[in-house]
Amino acid sequence: METVYRALRAIPFRRGPRRWVGGVCAGLADRFGWDANIVRLVTLVSFLLPVLGIGAYLVLWLIVPWVDNSLPLQRIVRSFRGR
């Protein structure tokens, strides 16, 4: 799994420091120079699509690193292994 974590940390964008919920939209906006509110609006509209919007957001929430390089996926896996 460490190889997967290293690959995820190599993704050239991080969750934005101006995050609201998960920071995914702010991270995308920062990476591409877009307005974060527009990205949030597009994301909310995509939630109207069955599975695609919410499913894509959840996957991104799991694999996109925070600004400090920590990964939610790694934390979840560690918590299950610790049981």
PDB file of N, CA and C in Angstrom:
ATOM      1  N   MET A   1       0.815  -1.203   0.000  1.00  0.00           N
ATOM      2  CA  MET A   1       0.000   0.000   0.000  1.00  0.00           C
ATOM      3  C   MET A   1       0.855   1.263   0.000  1.00  0.00           C
ATOM      4  N   GLU A   2       2.057   1.200   0.498  1.00  0.00           N
ATOM      5  CA  GLU A   2       2.899   2.400   0.527  1.00  0.00           C
ATOM      6  C   GLU A   2       3.145   2.953  -0.877  1.00  0.00           C
ATOM      7  N   THR A   3       3.246   2.066  -1.864  1.00  0.00           N
ATOM      8  CA  THR A   3       3.431   2.511  -3.243  1.00  0.00           C
ATOM      9  C   THR A   3       2.216   3.308  -3.707  1.00  0.00           C
ATOM     10  N   VAL A   4       1.041   2.854  -3.343  1.00  0.00           N
ATOM     11  CA  VAL A   4      -0.186   3.566  -3.696  1.00  0.00           C
ATOM     12  C   VAL A   4      -0.214   4.924  -3.009  1.00  0.00           C
ATOM     13  N   TYR A   5       0.139   4.971  -1.747  1.00  0.00           N
ATOM     14  CA  TYR A   5       0.143   6.233  -1.008  1.00  0.00           C
ATOM     15  C   TYR A   5       1.149   7.219  -1.612  1.00  0.00           C
ATOM     16  N   ARG A   6       2.323   6.729  -1.986  1.00  0.00           N
ATOM     17  CA  ARG A   6       3.325   7.601  -2.621  1.00  0.00           C
ATOM     18  C   ARG A   6       2.797   8.151  -3.938  1.00  0.00           C
ATOM     19  N   ALA A   7       2.141   7.293  -4.716  1.00  0.00           N
ATOM     20  CA  ALA A   7       1.582   7.737  -5.997  1.00  0.00           C
ATOM     21  C   ALA A   7       0.496   8.790  -5.786  1.00  0.00           C
ATOM     22  N   LEU A   8      -0.341   8.597  -4.780  1.00  0.00           N
ATOM     23  CA  LEU A   8      -1.388   9.580  -4.496  1.00  0.00           C
ATOM     24  C   LEU A   8      -0.795  10.903  -4.039  1.00  0.00           C
ATOM     25  N   ARG A   9       0.269  10.844  -3.270  1.00  0.00           N
ATOM     26  CA  ARG A   9       0.916  12.090  -2.821  1.00  0.00           C
ATOM     27  C   ARG A   9       1.616  12.812  -3.966  1.00  0.00           C
ATOM     28  N   ALA A  10       1.898  12.106  -5.043  1.00  0.00           N
ATOM     29  CA  ALA A  10       2.539  12.718  -6.212  1.00  0.00           C
ATOM     30  C   ALA A  10       1.530  13.473  -7.082  1.00  0.00           C
ATOM     31  N   ILE A  11       0.229  13.316  -6.802  1.00  0.00           N
ATOM     32  CA  ILE A  11      -0.785  14.065  -7.546  1.00  0.00           C
ATOM     33  C   ILE A  11      -0.484  15.552  -7.358  1.00  0.00           C
ATOM     34  N   PRO A  12      -0.469  16.310  -8.455  1.00  0.00           N
ATOM     35  CA  PRO A  12      -0.038  17.712  -8.351  1.00  0.00           C
ATOM     36  C   PRO A  12      -1.091  18.678  -7.823  1.00  0.00           C
ATOM     37  N   PHE A  13      -1.977  18.220  -6.989  1.00  0.00           N
ATOM     38  CA  PHE A  13      -2.874  19.174  -6.335  1.00  0.00           C
ATOM     39  C   PHE A  13      -3.267  18.675  -4.962  1.00  0.00           C
ATOM     40  N   ARG A  14      -3.553  19.620  -4.094  1.00  0.00           N
ATOM     41  CA  ARG A  14      -3.902  19.346  -2.705  1.00  0.00           C
ATOM     42  C   ARG A  14      -5.259  19.945  -2.410  1.00  0.00           C
ATOM     43  N   ARG A  15      -5.862  19.458  -1.359  1.00  0.00           N
ATOM     44  CA  ARG A  15      -7.112  20.076  -0.926  1.00  0.00           C
ATOM     45  C   ARG A  15      -6.801  21.485  -0.486  1.00  0.00           C
ATOM     46  N   GLY A  16      -7.629  22.394  -0.915  1.00  0.00           N
ATOM     47  CA  GLY A  16      -7.367  23.801  -0.644  1.00  0.00           C
ATOM     48  C   GLY A  16      -7.513  24.186   0.811  1.00  0.00           C
ATOM     49  N   PRO A  17      -6.749  25.173   1.204  1.00  0.00           N
ATOM     50  CA  PRO A  17      -6.860  25.658   2.583  1.00  0.00           C
ATOM     51  C   PRO A  17      -8.177  26.393   2.830  1.00  0.00           C
ATOM     52  N   ARG A  18      -8.854  26.817   1.747  1.00  0.00           N
ATOM     53  CA  ARG A  18     -10.144  27.513   1.882  1.00  0.00           C
ATOM     54  C   ARG A  18     -11.287  26.516   1.747  1.00  0.00           C
ATOM     55  N   ARG A  19     -11.145  25.366   2.355  1.00  0.00           N
ATOM     56  CA  ARG A  19     -12.139  24.304   2.171  1.00  0.00           C
ATOM     57  C   ARG A  19     -13.403  24.564   2.976  1.00  0.00           C
ATOM     58  N   TRP A  20     -14.486  24.011   2.466  1.00  0.00           N
ATOM     59  CA  TRP A  20     -15.763  24.076   3.168  1.00  0.00           C
ATOM     60  C   TRP A  20     -16.067  22.728   3.775  1.00  0.00           C
ATOM     61  N   VAL A  21     -16.218  21.718   2.939  1.00  0.00           N
ATOM     62  CA  VAL A  21     -16.579  20.395   3.440  1.00  0.00           C
ATOM     63  C   VAL A  21     -15.346  19.510   3.421  1.00  0.00           C
ATOM     64  N   GLY A  22     -14.975  19.023   2.251  1.00  0.00           N
ATOM     65  CA  GLY A  22     -13.822  18.137   2.136  1.00  0.00           C
ATOM     66  C   GLY A  22     -12.607  18.809   1.528  1.00  0.00           C
ATOM     67  N   GLY A  23     -12.784  19.984   0.941  1.00  0.00           N
ATOM     68  CA  GLY A  23     -11.672  20.699   0.351  1.00  0.00           C
ATOM     69  C   GLY A  23     -11.355  20.310  -1.077  1.00  0.00           C
ATOM     70  N   VAL A  24     -12.090  19.369  -1.637  1.00  0.00           N
ATOM     71  CA  VAL A  24     -11.809  18.897  -2.992  1.00  0.00           C
ATOM     72  C   VAL A  24     -12.036  20.013  -4.010  1.00  0.00           C
ATOM     73  N   CYS A  25     -13.142  20.712  -3.906  1.00  0.00           N
ATOM     74  CA  CYS A  25     -13.445  21.782  -4.865  1.00  0.00           C
ATOM     75  C   CYS A  25     -12.435  22.925  -4.762  1.00  0.00           C
ATOM     76  N   ALA A  26     -12.080  23.301  -3.545  1.00  0.00           N
ATOM     77  CA  ALA A  26     -11.095  24.370  -3.368  1.00  0.00           C
ATOM     78  C   ALA A  26      -9.734  23.944  -3.902  1.00  0.00           C
ATOM     79  N   GLY A  27      -9.383  22.681  -3.722  1.00  0.00           N
ATOM     80  CA  GLY A  27      -8.113  22.183  -4.253  1.00  0.00           C
ATOM     81  C   GLY A  27      -8.080  22.209  -5.770  1.00  0.00           C
ATOM     82  N   LEU A  28      -9.166  21.781  -6.407  1.00  0.00           N
ATOM     83  CA  LEU A  28      -9.248  21.843  -7.867  1.00  0.00           C
ATOM     84  C   LEU A  28      -9.178  23.285  -8.355  1.00  0.00           C
ATOM     85  N   ALA A  29      -9.897  24.164  -7.688  1.00  0.00           N
ATOM     86  CA  ALA A  29      -9.899  25.573  -8.075  1.00  0.00           C
ATOM     87  C   ALA A  29      -8.502  26.178  -7.951  1.00  0.00           C
ATOM     88  N   ASP A  30      -7.809  25.907  -6.860  1.00  0.00           N
ATOM     89  CA  ASP A  30      -6.454  26.421  -6.672  1.00  0.00           C
ATOM     90  C   ASP A  30      -5.501  25.877  -7.733  1.00  0.00           C
ATOM     91  N   ARG A  31      -5.622  24.601  -8.039  1.00  0.00           N
ATOM     92  CA  ARG A  31      -4.720  23.953  -9.003  1.00  0.00           C
ATOM     93  C   ARG A  31      -4.855  24.549 -10.398  1.00  0.00           C
ATOM     94  N   PHE A  32      -6.089  24.833 -10.813  1.00  0.00           N
ATOM     95  CA  PHE A  32      -6.317  25.298 -12.176  1.00  0.00           C
ATOM     96  C   PHE A  32      -6.594  26.803 -12.275  1.00  0.00           C
ATOM     97  N   GLY A  33      -6.563  27.500 -11.146  1.00  0.00           N
ATOM     98  CA  GLY A  33      -6.761  28.944 -11.157  1.00  0.00           C
ATOM     99  C   GLY A  33      -8.209  29.356 -11.372  1.00  0.00           C
ATOM    100  N   TRP A  34      -9.136  28.511 -10.971  1.00  0.00           N
ATOM    101  CA  TRP A  34     -10.556  28.789 -11.132  1.00  0.00           C
ATOM    102  C   TRP A  34     -11.118  29.379  -9.846  1.00  0.00           C
ATOM    103  N   ASP A  35     -12.296  29.934  -9.943  1.00  0.00           N
ATOM    104  CA  ASP A  35     -13.008  30.432  -8.774  1.00  0.00           C
ATOM    105  C   ASP A  35     -13.573  29.228  -8.011  1.00  0.00           C
ATOM    106  N   ALA A  36     -13.274  29.139  -6.734  1.00  0.00           N
ATOM    107  CA  ALA A  36     -13.706  27.996  -5.927  1.00  0.00           C
ATOM    108  C   ALA A  36     -15.224  27.888  -5.848  1.00  0.00           C
ATOM    109  N   ASN A  37     -15.915  29.016  -5.816  1.00  0.00           N
ATOM    110  CA  ASN A  37     -17.376  28.964  -5.728  1.00  0.00           C
ATOM    111  C   ASN A  37     -18.004  28.401  -7.000  1.00  0.00           C
ATOM    112  N   ILE A  38     -17.412  28.687  -8.138  1.00  0.00           N
ATOM    113  CA  ILE A  38     -17.919  28.126  -9.406  1.00  0.00           C
ATOM    114  C   ILE A  38     -17.714  26.611  -9.402  1.00  0.00           C
ATOM    115  N   VAL A  39     -16.555  26.157  -8.953  1.00  0.00           N
ATOM    116  CA  VAL A  39     -16.297  24.712  -8.890  1.00  0.00           C
ATOM    117  C   VAL A  39     -17.274  24.056  -7.925  1.00  0.00           C
ATOM    118  N   ARG A  40     -17.547  24.698  -6.824  1.00  0.00           N
ATOM    119  CA  ARG A  40     -18.522  24.161  -5.862  1.00  0.00           C
ATOM    120  C   ARG A  40     -19.912  24.070  -6.492  1.00  0.00           C
ATOM    121  N   LEU A  41     -20.291  25.089  -7.241  1.00  0.00           N
ATOM    122  CA  LEU A  41     -21.600  25.085  -7.894  1.00  0.00           C
ATOM    123  C   LEU A  41     -21.696  23.962  -8.925  1.00  0.00           C
ATOM    124  N   VAL A  42     -20.658  23.793  -9.738  1.00  0.00           N
ATOM    125  CA  VAL A  42     -20.644  22.718 -10.735  1.00  0.00           C
ATOM    126  C   VAL A  42     -20.711  21.361 -10.034  1.00  0.00           C
ATOM    127  N   THR A  43     -20.019  21.238  -8.922  1.00  0.00           N
ATOM    128  CA  THR A  43     -20.045  19.986  -8.162  1.00  0.00           C
ATOM    129  C   THR A  43     -21.449  19.705  -7.633  1.00  0.00           C
ATOM    130  N   LEU A  44     -22.099  20.708  -7.091  1.00  0.00           N
ATOM    131  CA  LEU A  44     -23.469  20.520  -6.591  1.00  0.00           C
ATOM    132  C   LEU A  44     -24.421  20.117  -7.708  1.00  0.00           C
ATOM    133  N   VAL A  45     -24.260  20.727  -8.880  1.00  0.00           N
ATOM    134  CA  VAL A  45     -25.105  20.365 -10.019  1.00  0.00           C
ATOM    135  C   VAL A  45     -24.821  18.925 -10.434  1.00  0.00           C
ATOM    136  N   SER A  46     -23.545  18.512 -10.372  1.00  0.00           N
ATOM    137  CA  SER A  46     -23.201  17.132 -10.758  1.00  0.00           C
ATOM    138  C   SER A  46     -23.801  16.111  -9.790  1.00  0.00           C
ATOM    139  N   PHE A  47     -24.116  16.532  -8.580  1.00  0.00           N
ATOM    140  CA  PHE A  47     -24.747  15.629  -7.616  1.00  0.00           C
ATOM    141  C   PHE A  47     -26.155  15.212  -8.067  1.00  0.00           C
ATOM    142  N   LEU A  48     -26.738  15.970  -8.989  1.00  0.00           N
ATOM    143  CA  LEU A  48     -28.049  15.608  -9.516  1.00  0.00           C
ATOM    144  C   LEU A  48     -27.964  14.396 -10.442  1.00  0.00           C
ATOM    145  N   LEU A  49     -26.762  14.115 -10.970  1.00  0.00           N
ATOM    146  CA  LEU A  49     -26.571  12.952 -11.821  1.00  0.00           C
ATOM    147  C   LEU A  49     -26.465  11.716 -10.942  1.00  0.00           C
ATOM    148  N   PRO A  50     -27.154  10.650 -11.317  1.00  0.00           N
ATOM    149  CA  PRO A  50     -27.098   9.461 -10.473  1.00  0.00           C
ATOM    150  C   PRO A  50     -25.690   8.883 -10.403  1.00  0.00           C
ATOM    151  N   VAL A  51     -25.206   8.674  -9.236  1.00  0.00           N
ATOM    152  CA  VAL A  51     -23.932   8.035  -8.894  1.00  0.00           C
ATOM    153  C   VAL A  51     -22.716   8.870  -9.284  1.00  0.00           C
ATOM    154  N   LEU A  52     -22.705   9.418 -10.483  1.00  0.00           N
ATOM    155  CA  LEU A  52     -21.514  10.094 -10.978  1.00  0.00           C
ATOM    156  C   LEU A  52     -21.035  11.216 -10.056  1.00  0.00           C
ATOM    157  N   GLY A  53     -21.896  12.146  -9.733  1.00  0.00           N
ATOM    158  CA  GLY A  53     -21.478  13.298  -8.941  1.00  0.00           C
ATOM    159  C   GLY A  53     -21.011  12.936  -7.545  1.00  0.00           C
ATOM    160  N   ILE A  54     -21.848  12.286  -6.793  1.00  0.00           N
ATOM    161  CA  ILE A  54     -21.513  11.935  -5.416  1.00  0.00           C
ATOM    162  C   ILE A  54     -20.423  10.874  -5.380  1.00  0.00           C
ATOM    163  N   GLY A  55     -20.499   9.910  -6.278  1.00  0.00           N
ATOM    164  CA  GLY A  55     -19.478   8.850  -6.326  1.00  0.00           C
ATOM    165  C   GLY A  55     -18.100   9.413  -6.636  1.00  0.00           C
ATOM    166  N   ALA A  56     -18.024  10.298  -7.626  1.00  0.00           N
ATOM    167  CA  ALA A  56     -16.739  10.905  -7.991  1.00  0.00           C
ATOM    168  C   ALA A  56     -16.198  11.739  -6.836  1.00  0.00           C
ATOM    169  N   TYR A  57     -17.077  12.492  -6.183  1.00  0.00           N
ATOM    170  CA  TYR A  57     -16.637  13.318  -5.060  1.00  0.00           C
ATOM    171  C   TYR A  57     -16.093  12.453  -3.923  1.00  0.00           C
ATOM    172  N   LEU A  58     -16.785  11.364  -3.615  1.00  0.00           N
ATOM    173  CA  LEU A  58     -16.319  10.488  -2.540  1.00  0.00           C
ATOM    174  C   LEU A  58     -14.967   9.855  -2.858  1.00  0.00           C
ATOM    175  N   VAL A  59     -14.787   9.446  -4.112  1.00  0.00           N
ATOM    176  CA  VAL A  59     -13.493   8.880  -4.512  1.00  0.00           C
ATOM    177  C   VAL A  59     -12.402   9.944  -4.370  1.00  0.00           C
ATOM    178  N   LEU A  60     -12.669  11.144  -4.853  1.00  0.00           N
ATOM    179  CA  LEU A  60     -11.677  12.214  -4.712  1.00  0.00           C
ATOM    180  C   LEU A  60     -11.415  12.525  -3.241  1.00  0.00           C
ATOM    181  N   TRP A  61     -12.464  12.508  -2.435  1.00  0.00           N
ATOM    182  CA  TRP A  61     -12.293  12.777  -1.015  1.00  0.00           C
ATOM    183  C   TRP A  61     -11.342  11.758  -0.380  1.00  0.00           C
ATOM    184  N   LEU A  62     -11.415  10.515  -0.816  1.00  0.00           N
ATOM    185  CA  LEU A  62     -10.555   9.470  -0.263  1.00  0.00           C
ATOM    186  C   LEU A  62      -9.102   9.578  -0.717  1.00  0.00           C
ATOM    187  N   ILE A  63      -8.878   9.960  -1.973  1.00  0.00           N
ATOM    188  CA  ILE A  63      -7.520   9.848  -2.531  1.00  0.00           C
ATOM    189  C   ILE A  63      -6.746  11.147  -2.640  1.00  0.00           C
ATOM    190  N   VAL A  64      -7.399  12.289  -2.543  1.00  0.00           N
ATOM    191  CA  VAL A  64      -6.676  13.559  -2.683  1.00  0.00           C
ATOM    192  C   VAL A  64      -6.040  13.928  -1.351  1.00  0.00           C
ATOM    193  N   PRO A  65      -4.722  14.176  -1.362  1.00  0.00           N
ATOM    194  CA  PRO A  65      -4.030  14.515  -0.114  1.00  0.00           C
ATOM    195  C   PRO A  65      -4.407  15.898   0.410  1.00  0.00           C
ATOM    196  N   TRP A  66      -4.307  16.032   1.727  1.00  0.00           N
ATOM    197  CA  TRP A  66      -4.469  17.333   2.362  1.00  0.00           C
ATOM    198  C   TRP A  66      -3.209  18.146   2.106  1.00  0.00           C
ATOM    199  N   VAL A  67      -3.215  19.394   2.483  1.00  0.00           N
ATOM    200  CA  VAL A  67      -2.060  20.268   2.304  1.00  0.00           C
ATOM    201  C   VAL A  67      -0.837  19.708   3.033  1.00  0.00           C
ATOM    202  N   ASP A  68      -1.047  19.017   4.149  1.00  0.00           N
ATOM    203  CA  ASP A  68       0.067  18.448   4.922  1.00  0.00           C
ATOM    204  C   ASP A  68       0.487  17.059   4.419  1.00  0.00           C
ATOM    205  N   ASN A  69      -0.030  16.631   3.245  1.00  0.00           N
ATOM    206  CA  ASN A  69       0.291  15.343   2.606  1.00  0.00           C
ATOM    207  C   ASN A  69      -0.353  14.132   3.275  1.00  0.00           C
ATOM    208  N   SER A  70      -1.221  14.321   4.243  1.00  0.00           N
ATOM    209  CA  SER A  70      -1.902  13.168   4.829  1.00  0.00           C
ATOM    210  C   SER A  70      -3.040  12.743   3.901  1.00  0.00           C
ATOM    211  N   LEU A  71      -3.356  11.451   3.937  1.00  0.00           N
ATOM    212  CA  LEU A  71      -4.373  10.887   3.058  1.00  0.00           C
ATOM    213  C   LEU A  71      -5.522  10.292   3.875  1.00  0.00           C
ATOM    214  N   PRO A  72      -6.761  10.671   3.585  1.00  0.00           N
ATOM    215  CA  PRO A  72      -7.893  10.062   4.287  1.00  0.00           C
ATOM    216  C   PRO A  72      -7.937   8.546   4.096  1.00  0.00           C
ATOM    217  N   LEU A  73      -7.627   8.074   2.897  1.00  0.00           N
ATOM    218  CA  LEU A  73      -7.622   6.636   2.636  1.00  0.00           C
ATOM    219  C   LEU A  73      -6.651   5.916   3.564  1.00  0.00           C
ATOM    220  N   GLN A  74      -5.483   6.475   3.757  1.00  0.00           N
ATOM    221  CA  GLN A  74      -4.479   5.860   4.627  1.00  0.00           C
ATOM    222  C   GLN A  74      -4.969   5.839   6.069  1.00  0.00           C
ATOM    223  N   ARG A  75      -5.601   6.904   6.511  1.00  0.00           N
ATOM    224  CA  ARG A  75      -6.128   6.943   7.876  1.00  0.00           C
ATOM    225  C   ARG A  75      -7.211   5.893   8.086  1.00  0.00           C
ATOM    226  N   ILE A  76      -8.074   5.735   7.099  1.00  0.00           N
ATOM    227  CA  ILE A  76      -9.157   4.747   7.204  1.00  0.00           C
ATOM    228  C   ILE A  76      -8.584   3.335   7.247  1.00  0.00           C
ATOM    229  N   VAL A  77      -7.633   3.053   6.366  1.00  0.00           N
ATOM    230  CA  VAL A  77      -7.016   1.707   6.340  1.00  0.00           C
ATOM    231  C   VAL A  77      -6.323   1.426   7.660  1.00  0.00           C
ATOM    232  N   ARG A  78      -5.598   2.413   8.191  1.00  0.00           N
ATOM    233  CA  ARG A  78      -4.926   2.226   9.480  1.00  0.00           C
ATOM    234  C   ARG A  78      -5.916   1.952  10.606  1.00  0.00           C
ATOM    235  N   SER A  79      -7.047   2.647  10.587  1.00  0.00           N
ATOM    236  CA  SER A  79      -8.013   2.461  11.659  1.00  0.00           C
ATOM    237  C   SER A  79      -8.629   1.057  11.611  1.00  0.00           C
ATOM    238  N   PHE A  80      -8.831   0.510  10.409  1.00  0.00           N
ATOM    239  CA  PHE A  80      -9.365  -0.846  10.300  1.00  0.00           C
ATOM    240  C   PHE A  80      -8.316  -1.886  10.676  1.00  0.00           C
ATOM    241  N   ARG A  81      -7.073  -1.618  10.368  1.00  0.00           N
ATOM    242  CA  ARG A  81      -6.000  -2.570  10.729  1.00  0.00           C
ATOM    243  C   ARG A  81      -5.742  -2.562  12.220  1.00  0.00           C
ATOM    244  N   GLY A  82      -6.003  -1.429  12.870  1.00  0.00           N
ATOM    245  CA  GLY A  82      -5.765  -1.321  14.297  1.00  0.00           C
ATOM    246  C   GLY A  82      -6.775  -2.062  15.142  1.00  0.00           C
ATOM    247  N   ARG A  83      -7.871  -2.473  14.546  1.00  0.00           N
ATOM    248  CA  ARG A  83      -8.922  -3.172  15.313  1.00  0.00           C
ATOM    249  C   ARG A  83      -8.569  -4.611  15.553  1.00  0.00           C
TER     250      ARG A  83
END
